[in-house]
PDB file of N, CA and C in Angstrom:
ATOM      1  N   MET A   1       4.942  17.609  -5.049  1.00  0.00           N
ATOM      2  CA  MET A   1       4.494  16.338  -4.225  1.00  0.00           C
ATOM      3  C   MET A   1       4.128  15.608  -5.079  1.00  0.00           C
ATOM      4  N   ILE A   2       4.610  14.708  -5.130  1.00  0.00           N
ATOM      5  CA  ILE A   2       4.595  13.214  -5.558  1.00  0.00           C
ATOM      6  C   ILE A   2       3.113  12.789  -6.337  1.00  0.00           C
ATOM      7  N   GLU A   3       2.559  12.778  -7.604  1.00  0.00           N
ATOM      8  CA  GLU A   3       1.667  12.229  -8.309  1.00  0.00           C
ATOM      9  C   GLU A   3       1.607  11.157  -8.019  1.00  0.00           C
ATOM     10  N   ASN A   4      -0.611  11.199  -8.266  1.00  0.00           N
ATOM     11  CA  ASN A   4      -0.735   9.892  -7.454  1.00  0.00           C
ATOM     12  C   ASN A   4      -0.908   8.446  -8.539  1.00  0.00           C
ATOM     13  N   GLN A   5      -0.467   9.183  -9.743  1.00  0.00           N
ATOM     14  CA  GLN A   5      -0.357   7.766 -11.003  1.00  0.00           C
ATOM     15  C   GLN A   5       0.904   6.895 -10.206  1.00  0.00           C
ATOM     16  N   THR A   6       2.166   7.760  -9.986  1.00  0.00           N
ATOM     17  CA  THR A   6       3.523   7.237  -9.453  1.00  0.00           C
ATOM     18  C   THR A   6       3.350   6.627  -7.624  1.00  0.00           C
ATOM     19  N   ILE A   7       2.143   6.930  -7.126  1.00  0.00           N
ATOM     20  CA  ILE A   7       2.139   6.423  -5.859  1.00  0.00           C
ATOM     21  C   ILE A   7       1.441   4.815  -6.461  1.00  0.00           C
ATOM     22  N   LYS A   8       0.761   5.011  -6.973  1.00  0.00           N
ATOM     23  CA  LYS A   8      -0.147   3.834  -7.091  1.00  0.00           C
ATOM     24  C   LYS A   8       0.685   2.797  -8.215  1.00  0.00           C
ATOM     25  N   LYS A   9       1.766   3.176  -8.702  1.00  0.00           N
ATOM     26  CA  LYS A   9       2.231   2.607 -10.042  1.00  0.00           C
ATOM     27  C   LYS A   9       3.764   1.289  -8.497  1.00  0.00           C
ATOM     28  N   ARG A  10       4.123   2.298  -7.770  1.00  0.00           N
ATOM     29  CA  ARG A  10       4.664   2.062  -7.391  1.00  0.00           C
ATOM     30  C   ARG A  10       4.662   0.824  -5.901  1.00  0.00           C
ATOM     31  N   VAL A  11       3.507   1.397  -5.449  1.00  0.00           N
ATOM     32  CA  VAL A  11       2.881   0.702  -4.129  1.00  0.00           C
ATOM     33  C   VAL A  11       2.774  -0.878  -4.757  1.00  0.00           C
ATOM     34  N   ARG A  12       1.945  -0.641  -6.535  1.00  0.00           N
ATOM     35  CA  ARG A  12       1.527  -2.060  -7.088  1.00  0.00           C
ATOM     36  C   ARG A  12       2.662  -2.710  -7.353  1.00  0.00           C
ATOM     37  N   ASP A  13       3.434  -2.030  -7.376  1.00  0.00           N
ATOM     38  CA  ASP A  13       4.779  -3.072  -8.379  1.00  0.00           C
ATOM     39  C   ASP A  13       5.573  -3.312  -6.500  1.00  0.00           C
ATOM     40  N   TYR A  14       5.915  -3.087  -5.582  1.00  0.00           N
ATOM     41  CA  TYR A  14       6.044  -3.366  -4.511  1.00  0.00           C
ATOM     42  C   TYR A  14       4.973  -4.960  -4.176  1.00  0.00           C
ATOM     43  N   LEU A  15       3.623  -4.791  -4.028  1.00  0.00           N
ATOM     44  CA  LEU A  15       2.554  -5.918  -4.106  1.00  0.00           C
ATOM     45  C   LEU A  15       3.074  -7.340  -4.545  1.00  0.00           C
ATOM     46  N   VAL A  16       2.771  -6.332  -5.795  1.00  0.00           N
ATOM     47  CA  VAL A  16       3.297  -7.837  -6.684  1.00  0.00           C
ATOM     48  C   VAL A  16       4.848  -8.644  -6.719  1.00  0.00           C
ATOM     49  N   GLN A  17       5.709  -7.676  -6.431  1.00  0.00           N
ATOM     50  CA  GLN A  17       6.812  -8.398  -6.351  1.00  0.00           C
ATOM     51  C   GLN A  17       7.247  -9.032  -4.981  1.00  0.00           C
ATOM     52  N   ALA A  18       6.176  -8.382  -3.643  1.00  0.00           N
ATOM     53  CA  ALA A  18       6.329  -9.197  -2.231  1.00  0.00           C
ATOM     54  C   ALA A  18       5.048 -10.074  -2.315  1.00  0.00           C
ATOM     55  N   THR A  19       4.097 -10.110  -3.516  1.00  0.00           N
ATOM     56  CA  THR A  19       3.208 -11.646  -3.183  1.00  0.00           C
ATOM     57  C   THR A  19       3.858 -12.284  -4.487  1.00  0.00           C
ATOM     58  N   PHE A  20       4.047 -12.182  -4.962  1.00  0.00           N
ATOM     59  CA  PHE A  20       4.777 -12.822  -6.367  1.00  0.00           C
ATOM     60  C   PHE A  20       2.883 -13.156  -7.510  1.00  0.00           C
ATOM     61  N   ALA A  21       2.191 -12.176  -6.999  1.00  0.00           N
ATOM     62  CA  ALA A  21       0.999 -12.199  -7.659  1.00  0.00           C
ATOM     63  C   ALA A  21       1.753 -11.907  -9.106  1.00  0.00           C
ATOM     64  N   GLY A  22       0.720 -12.161  -9.817  1.00  0.00           N
ATOM     65  CA  GLY A  22       1.056 -11.173 -11.159  1.00  0.00           C
ATOM     66  C   GLY A  22       0.587  -9.585 -11.447  1.00  0.00           C
ATOM     67  N   HIS A  23       1.065  -8.738 -12.371  1.00  0.00           N
ATOM     68  CA  HIS A  23       0.402  -7.310 -12.584  1.00  0.00           C
ATOM     69  C   HIS A  23      -1.053  -7.841 -12.910  1.00  0.00           C
ATOM     70  N   ASP A  24      -1.379  -8.513 -13.516  1.00  0.00           N
ATOM     71  CA  ASP A  24      -2.922  -8.533 -13.843  1.00  0.00           C
ATOM     72  C   ASP A  24      -3.618  -8.473 -12.869  1.00  0.00           C
ATOM     73  N   LYS A  25      -3.522  -9.617 -11.617  1.00  0.00           N
ATOM     74  CA  LYS A  25      -3.994 -10.010 -10.320  1.00  0.00           C
ATOM     75  C   LYS A  25      -4.758  -8.759 -10.095  1.00  0.00           C
ATOM     76  N   ILE A  26      -3.434  -8.167  -9.296  1.00  0.00           N
ATOM     77  CA  ILE A  26      -3.543  -6.508  -8.013  1.00  0.00           C
ATOM     78  C   ILE A  26      -3.711  -5.407  -8.806  1.00  0.00           C
ATOM     79  N   LYS A  27      -5.118  -5.273  -8.642  1.00  0.00           N
ATOM     80  CA  LYS A  27      -6.115  -3.783  -9.401  1.00  0.00           C
ATOM     81  C   LYS A  27      -6.145  -2.876  -8.091  1.00  0.00           C
ATOM     82  N   ASP A  28      -6.455  -1.653  -8.718  1.00  0.00           N
ATOM     83  CA  ASP A  28      -6.131  -1.057  -7.475  1.00  0.00           C
ATOM     84  C   ASP A  28      -6.520  -0.705  -7.201  1.00  0.00           C
ATOM     85  N   ASP A  29      -7.911  -1.602  -6.728  1.00  0.00           N
ATOM     86  CA  ASP A  29      -9.501  -1.520  -6.203  1.00  0.00           C
ATOM     87  C   ASP A  29      -9.477  -3.148  -5.435  1.00  0.00           C
ATOM     88  N   SER A  30      -8.060  -3.641  -5.823  1.00  0.00           N
ATOM     89  CA  SER A  30      -8.095  -5.139  -5.224  1.00  0.00           C
ATOM     90  C   SER A  30      -8.595  -4.801  -3.531  1.00  0.00           C
ATOM     91  N   LEU A  31      -9.008  -5.725  -2.623  1.00  0.00           N
ATOM     92  CA  LEU A  31      -9.016  -6.019  -1.442  1.00  0.00           C
ATOM     93  C   LEU A  31      -7.804  -6.734  -1.072  1.00  0.00           C
ATOM     94  N   ILE A  32      -6.423  -6.574  -0.777  1.00  0.00           N
ATOM     95  CA  ILE A  32      -4.411  -6.964  -1.159  1.00  0.00           C
ATOM     96  C   ILE A  32      -5.298  -8.090   0.059  1.00  0.00           C
ATOM     97  N   PHE A  33      -5.910  -7.691   1.564  1.00  0.00           N
ATOM     98  CA  PHE A  33      -5.801  -8.198   2.830  1.00  0.00           C
ATOM     99  C   PHE A  33      -7.585  -9.621   2.623  1.00  0.00           C
ATOM    100  N   LYS A  34      -8.202  -9.096   2.151  1.00  0.00           N
ATOM    101  CA  LYS A  34      -9.652  -9.974   1.515  1.00  0.00           C
ATOM    102  C   LYS A  34      -9.203 -10.647   1.192  1.00  0.00           C
ATOM    103  N   GLU A  35      -8.660 -10.690  -0.543  1.00  0.00           N
ATOM    104  CA  GLU A  35      -8.305 -11.839  -1.351  1.00  0.00           C
ATOM    105  C   GLU A  35      -6.931 -12.227  -1.161  1.00  0.00           C
ATOM    106  N   GLY A  36      -6.423 -12.045  -0.118  1.00  0.00           N
ATOM    107  CA  GLY A  36      -5.475 -13.046   0.385  1.00  0.00           C
ATOM    108  C   GLY A  36      -4.219 -12.885   0.229  1.00  0.00           C
ATOM    109  N   TYR A  37      -4.285 -11.766  -0.578  1.00  0.00           N
ATOM    110  CA  TYR A  37      -2.337 -11.619  -1.285  1.00  0.00           C
ATOM    111  C   TYR A  37      -1.320 -10.591  -0.131  1.00  0.00           C
ATOM    112  N   PHE A  38      -1.522 -10.360   0.932  1.00  0.00           N
ATOM    113  CA  PHE A  38      -1.317 -10.352   3.016  1.00  0.00           C
ATOM    114  C   PHE A  38      -1.630 -10.256   4.055  1.00  0.00           C
ATOM    115  N   ASP A  39      -1.126 -10.720   4.538  1.00  0.00           N
ATOM    116  CA  ASP A  39      -1.504 -11.271   6.100  1.00  0.00           C
ATOM    117  C   ASP A  39      -0.603 -10.229   7.013  1.00  0.00           C
ATOM    118  N   SER A  40      -1.524 -10.457   8.333  1.00  0.00           N
ATOM    119  CA  SER A  40      -0.263  -9.309   9.117  1.00  0.00           C
ATOM    120  C   SER A  40       0.618  -9.099   9.074  1.00  0.00           C
ATOM    121  N   MET A  41       1.606  -9.851   8.423  1.00  0.00           N
ATOM    122  CA  MET A  41       3.148 -10.184   8.371  1.00  0.00           C
ATOM    123  C   MET A  41       3.827  -9.385   6.818  1.00  0.00           C
ATOM    124  N   GLY A  42       2.725  -9.438   6.457  1.00  0.00           N
ATOM    125  CA  GLY A  42       3.226  -8.984   5.304  1.00  0.00           C
ATOM    126  C   GLY A  42       3.130  -7.521   5.153  1.00  0.00           C
ATOM    127  N   PHE A  43       1.467  -7.195   6.560  1.00  0.00           N
ATOM    128  CA  PHE A  43       0.986  -5.986   6.705  1.00  0.00           C
ATOM    129  C   PHE A  43       2.165  -4.776   6.645  1.00  0.00           C
ATOM    130  N   ILE A  44       3.183  -5.214   8.244  1.00  0.00           N
ATOM    131  CA  ILE A  44       4.241  -4.965   8.961  1.00  0.00           C
ATOM    132  C   ILE A  44       5.096  -4.189   7.569  1.00  0.00           C
ATOM    133  N   THR A  45       5.935  -5.834   6.894  1.00  0.00           N
ATOM    134  CA  THR A  45       6.489  -5.357   5.661  1.00  0.00           C
ATOM    135  C   THR A  45       5.975  -4.070   4.768  1.00  0.00           C
ATOM    136  N   LEU A  46       4.776  -3.893   4.600  1.00  0.00           N
ATOM    137  CA  LEU A  46       3.713  -2.414   4.033  1.00  0.00           C
ATOM    138  C   LEU A  46       4.010  -1.145   4.087  1.00  0.00           C
ATOM    139  N   ILE A  47       4.191  -1.539   5.997  1.00  0.00           N
ATOM    140  CA  ILE A  47       4.464  -0.401   6.393  1.00  0.00           C
ATOM    141  C   ILE A  47       5.432   0.467   6.616  1.00  0.00           C
ATOM    142  N   THR A  48       6.579  -0.848   6.687  1.00  0.00           N
ATOM    143  CA  THR A  48       7.977  -0.748   6.215  1.00  0.00           C
ATOM    144  C   THR A  48       8.317   0.219   5.165  1.00  0.00           C
ATOM    145  N   PHE A  49       7.848  -0.661   4.043  1.00  0.00           N
ATOM    146  CA  PHE A  49       7.854   0.419   2.916  1.00  0.00           C
ATOM    147  C   PHE A  49       7.417   1.702   2.763  1.00  0.00           C
ATOM    148  N   ILE A  50       6.328   1.621   3.137  1.00  0.00           N
ATOM    149  CA  ILE A  50       5.543   3.217   2.884  1.00  0.00           C
ATOM    150  C   ILE A  50       6.209   3.863   3.247  1.00  0.00           C
ATOM    151  N   GLU A  51       7.131   3.656   4.763  1.00  0.00           N
ATOM    152  CA  GLU A  51       8.210   4.787   5.335  1.00  0.00           C
ATOM    153  C   GLU A  51       9.471   4.887   4.814  1.00  0.00           C
ATOM    154  N   GLU A  52      10.256   4.152   3.861  1.00  0.00           N
ATOM    155  CA  GLU A  52      10.932   4.485   3.027  1.00  0.00           C
ATOM    156  C   GLU A  52      11.164   4.629   1.848  1.00  0.00           C
ATOM    157  N   GLU A  53      10.223   4.059   1.211  1.00  0.00           N
ATOM    158  CA  GLU A  53       9.846   4.543  -0.313  1.00  0.00           C
ATOM    159  C   GLU A  53       9.340   5.847   0.047  1.00  0.00           C
ATOM    160  N   PHE A  54       8.261   6.329   0.685  1.00  0.00           N
ATOM    161  CA  PHE A  54       7.668   7.779   1.017  1.00  0.00           C
ATOM    162  C   PHE A  54       8.262   8.399   1.547  1.00  0.00           C
ATOM    163  N   GLY A  55       9.000   8.139   3.037  1.00  0.00           N
ATOM    164  CA  GLY A  55       9.268   9.082   3.836  1.00  0.00           C
ATOM    165  C   GLY A  55       7.949   9.388   5.010  1.00  0.00           C
ATOM    166  N   VAL A  56       6.426   8.741   4.989  1.00  0.00           N
ATOM    167  CA  VAL A  56       5.573   8.456   5.976  1.00  0.00           C
ATOM    168  C   VAL A  56       6.014   8.050   7.488  1.00  0.00           C
ATOM    169  N   LYS A  57       5.651   8.816   7.670  1.00  0.00           N
ATOM    170  CA  LYS A  57       5.090   8.298   9.428  1.00  0.00           C
ATOM    171  C   LYS A  57       4.411   7.707   9.696  1.00  0.00           C
ATOM    172  N   THR A  58       4.112   6.805  10.445  1.00  0.00           N
ATOM    173  CA  THR A  58       2.653   6.075  10.596  1.00  0.00           C
ATOM    174  C   THR A  58       2.051   6.145  12.150  1.00  0.00           C
ATOM    175  N   VAL A  59       1.848   6.295  12.471  1.00  0.00           N
ATOM    176  CA  VAL A  59       1.048   6.296  14.418  1.00  0.00           C
ATOM    177  C   VAL A  59       0.328   5.213  14.498  1.00  0.00           C
ATOM    178  N   ASP A  60       0.320   5.051  15.380  1.00  0.00           N
ATOM    179  CA  ASP A  60      -1.026   3.892  16.709  1.00  0.00           C
ATOM    180  C   ASP A  60      -2.539   4.328  15.332  1.00  0.00           C
ATOM    181  N   ALA A  61      -3.018   5.790  15.752  1.00  0.00           N
ATOM    182  CA  ALA A  61      -4.343   5.934  15.024  1.00  0.00           C
ATOM    183  C   ALA A  61      -4.379   4.856  13.252  1.00  0.00           C
ATOM    184  N   ASP A  62      -3.310   5.136  12.397  1.00  0.00           N
ATOM    185  CA  ASP A  62      -3.575   5.396  10.963  1.00  0.00           C
ATOM    186  C   ASP A  62      -3.445   3.655  10.838  1.00  0.00           C
ATOM    187  N   LEU A  63      -3.171   3.357  11.885  1.00  0.00           N
ATOM    188  CA  LEU A  63      -3.989   1.565  11.332  1.00  0.00           C
ATOM    189  C   LEU A  63      -4.328   0.683  11.270  1.00  0.00           C
ATOM    190  N   VAL A  64      -5.728   1.373  10.257  1.00  0.00           N
ATOM    191  CA  VAL A  64      -7.081   0.740   9.879  1.00  0.00           C
ATOM    192  C   VAL A  64      -6.978   0.503   8.803  1.00  0.00           C
ATOM    193  N   GLU A  65      -8.135  -0.587   8.774  1.00  0.00           N
ATOM    194  CA  GLU A  65      -7.622  -1.669   7.279  1.00  0.00           C
ATOM    195  C   GLU A  65      -8.006  -0.263   6.471  1.00  0.00           C
ATOM    196  N   GLU A  66      -8.516   0.170   6.446  1.00  0.00           N
ATOM    197  CA  GLU A  66      -9.279   0.702   5.333  1.00  0.00           C
ATOM    198  C   GLU A  66      -8.622   2.448   4.826  1.00  0.00           C
ATOM    199  N   ASN A  67      -6.733   2.010   5.212  1.00  0.00           N
ATOM    200  CA  ASN A  67      -5.837   3.199   4.874  1.00  0.00           C
ATOM    201  C   ASN A  67      -5.302   2.803   4.042  1.00  0.00           C
ATOM    202  N   PHE A  68      -5.497   0.513   4.044  1.00  0.00           N
ATOM    203  CA  PHE A  68      -4.460   0.223   3.510  1.00  0.00           C
ATOM    204  C   PHE A  68      -4.987  -1.253   2.373  1.00  0.00           C
ATOM    205  N   GLU A  69      -6.525  -0.870   3.095  1.00  0.00           N
ATOM    206  CA  GLU A  69      -7.162  -1.684   2.177  1.00  0.00           C
ATOM    207  C   GLU A  69      -6.837  -2.531   0.589  1.00  0.00           C
ATOM    208  N   SER A  70      -6.435  -1.516  -0.292  1.00  0.00           N
ATOM    209  CA  SER A  70      -6.383  -1.626  -1.829  1.00  0.00           C
ATOM    210  C   SER A  70      -5.181  -0.954  -2.407  1.00  0.00           C
ATOM    211  N   VAL A  71      -4.652  -1.041  -3.261  1.00  0.00           N
ATOM    212  CA  VAL A  71      -3.554  -0.083  -3.918  1.00  0.00           C
ATOM    213  C   VAL A  71      -4.561   1.447  -3.733  1.00  0.00           C
ATOM    214  N   ASN A  72      -6.192   1.849  -4.239  1.00  0.00           N
ATOM    215  CA  ASN A  72      -6.206   3.412  -3.883  1.00  0.00           C
ATOM    216  C   ASN A  72      -5.872   3.640  -2.512  1.00  0.00           C
ATOM    217  N   ALA A  73      -6.538   2.826  -1.998  1.00  0.00           N
ATOM    218  CA  ALA A  73      -6.893   3.086  -0.397  1.00  0.00           C
ATOM    219  C   ALA A  73      -5.206   4.333   0.013  1.00  0.00           C
ATOM    220  N   ILE A  74      -4.252   3.048   0.002  1.00  0.00           N
ATOM    221  CA  ILE A  74      -2.649   3.183   0.394  1.00  0.00           C
ATOM    222  C   ILE A  74      -2.238   4.301  -0.814  1.00  0.00           C
ATOM    223  N   SER A  75      -2.371   4.269  -1.666  1.00  0.00           N
ATOM    224  CA  SER A  75      -1.719   6.154  -2.270  1.00  0.00           C
ATOM    225  C   SER A  75      -3.005   7.227  -2.335  1.00  0.00           C
ATOM    226  N   ASP A  76      -4.210   6.773  -1.750  1.00  0.00           N
ATOM    227  CA  ASP A  76      -5.094   7.800  -0.496  1.00  0.00           C
ATOM    228  C   ASP A  76      -3.989   8.663   0.608  1.00  0.00           C
ATOM    229  N   PHE A  77      -3.542   7.060   1.497  1.00  0.00           N
ATOM    230  CA  PHE A  77      -2.888   7.579   2.747  1.00  0.00           C
ATOM    231  C   PHE A  77      -2.121   8.303   2.729  1.00  0.00           C
ATOM    232  N   ILE A  78      -1.221   8.186   1.832  1.00  0.00           N
ATOM    233  CA  ILE A  78      -0.128   8.715   1.287  1.00  0.00           C
ATOM    234  C   ILE A  78      -0.373  10.233   0.953  1.00  0.00           C
ATOM    235  N   ILE A  79      -0.796  10.545   0.705  1.00  0.00           N
ATOM    236  CA  ILE A  79      -0.585  11.460  -0.189  1.00  0.00           C
ATOM    237  C   ILE A  79      -1.843  12.599   1.151  1.00  0.00           C
ATOM    238  N   ARG A  80      -2.262  12.013   1.868  1.00  0.00           N
ATOM    239  CA  ARG A  80      -2.853  12.727   2.851  1.00  0.00           C
ATOM    240  C   ARG A  80      -1.652  13.091   4.261  1.00  0.00           C
ATOM    241  N   LYS A  81      -0.236  11.912   3.779  1.00  0.00           N
ATOM    242  CA  LYS A  81       0.711  12.039   5.206  1.00  0.00           C
ATOM    243  C   LYS A  81       2.068  12.728   4.889  1.00  0.00           C
ATOM    244  N   THR A  82       1.989  13.109   3.145  1.00  0.00           N
ATOM    245  CA  THR A  82       3.128  13.536   2.718  1.00  0.00           C
ATOM    246  C   THR A  82       2.828  15.206   2.756  1.00  0.00           C
ATOM    247  N   PRO A  83       3.264  15.812   3.281  1.00  0.00           N
ATOM    248  CA  PRO A  83       3.197  17.160   3.508  1.00  0.00           C
ATOM    249  C   PRO A  83       3.376  18.455   2.748  1.00  0.00           C
TER     250      PRO A  83
END
């Protein structure tokens, strides 16, 4: 199983690269949608990144804000979905 800190780093690196925000801007608890880093199109690319990077398949029931609102939430989601 992949370590939580490794997941967080990879997710944070992706978010920084995709949004052009500085590493100091996106924290583990930053609300990436409410703070304006991502919109609905960004959400689609985020889902694609998670599926490709971590081999996690998402279903419609997974597509709720609570699973993707921050680096912490995304990491927890990936851990739950990883066999």
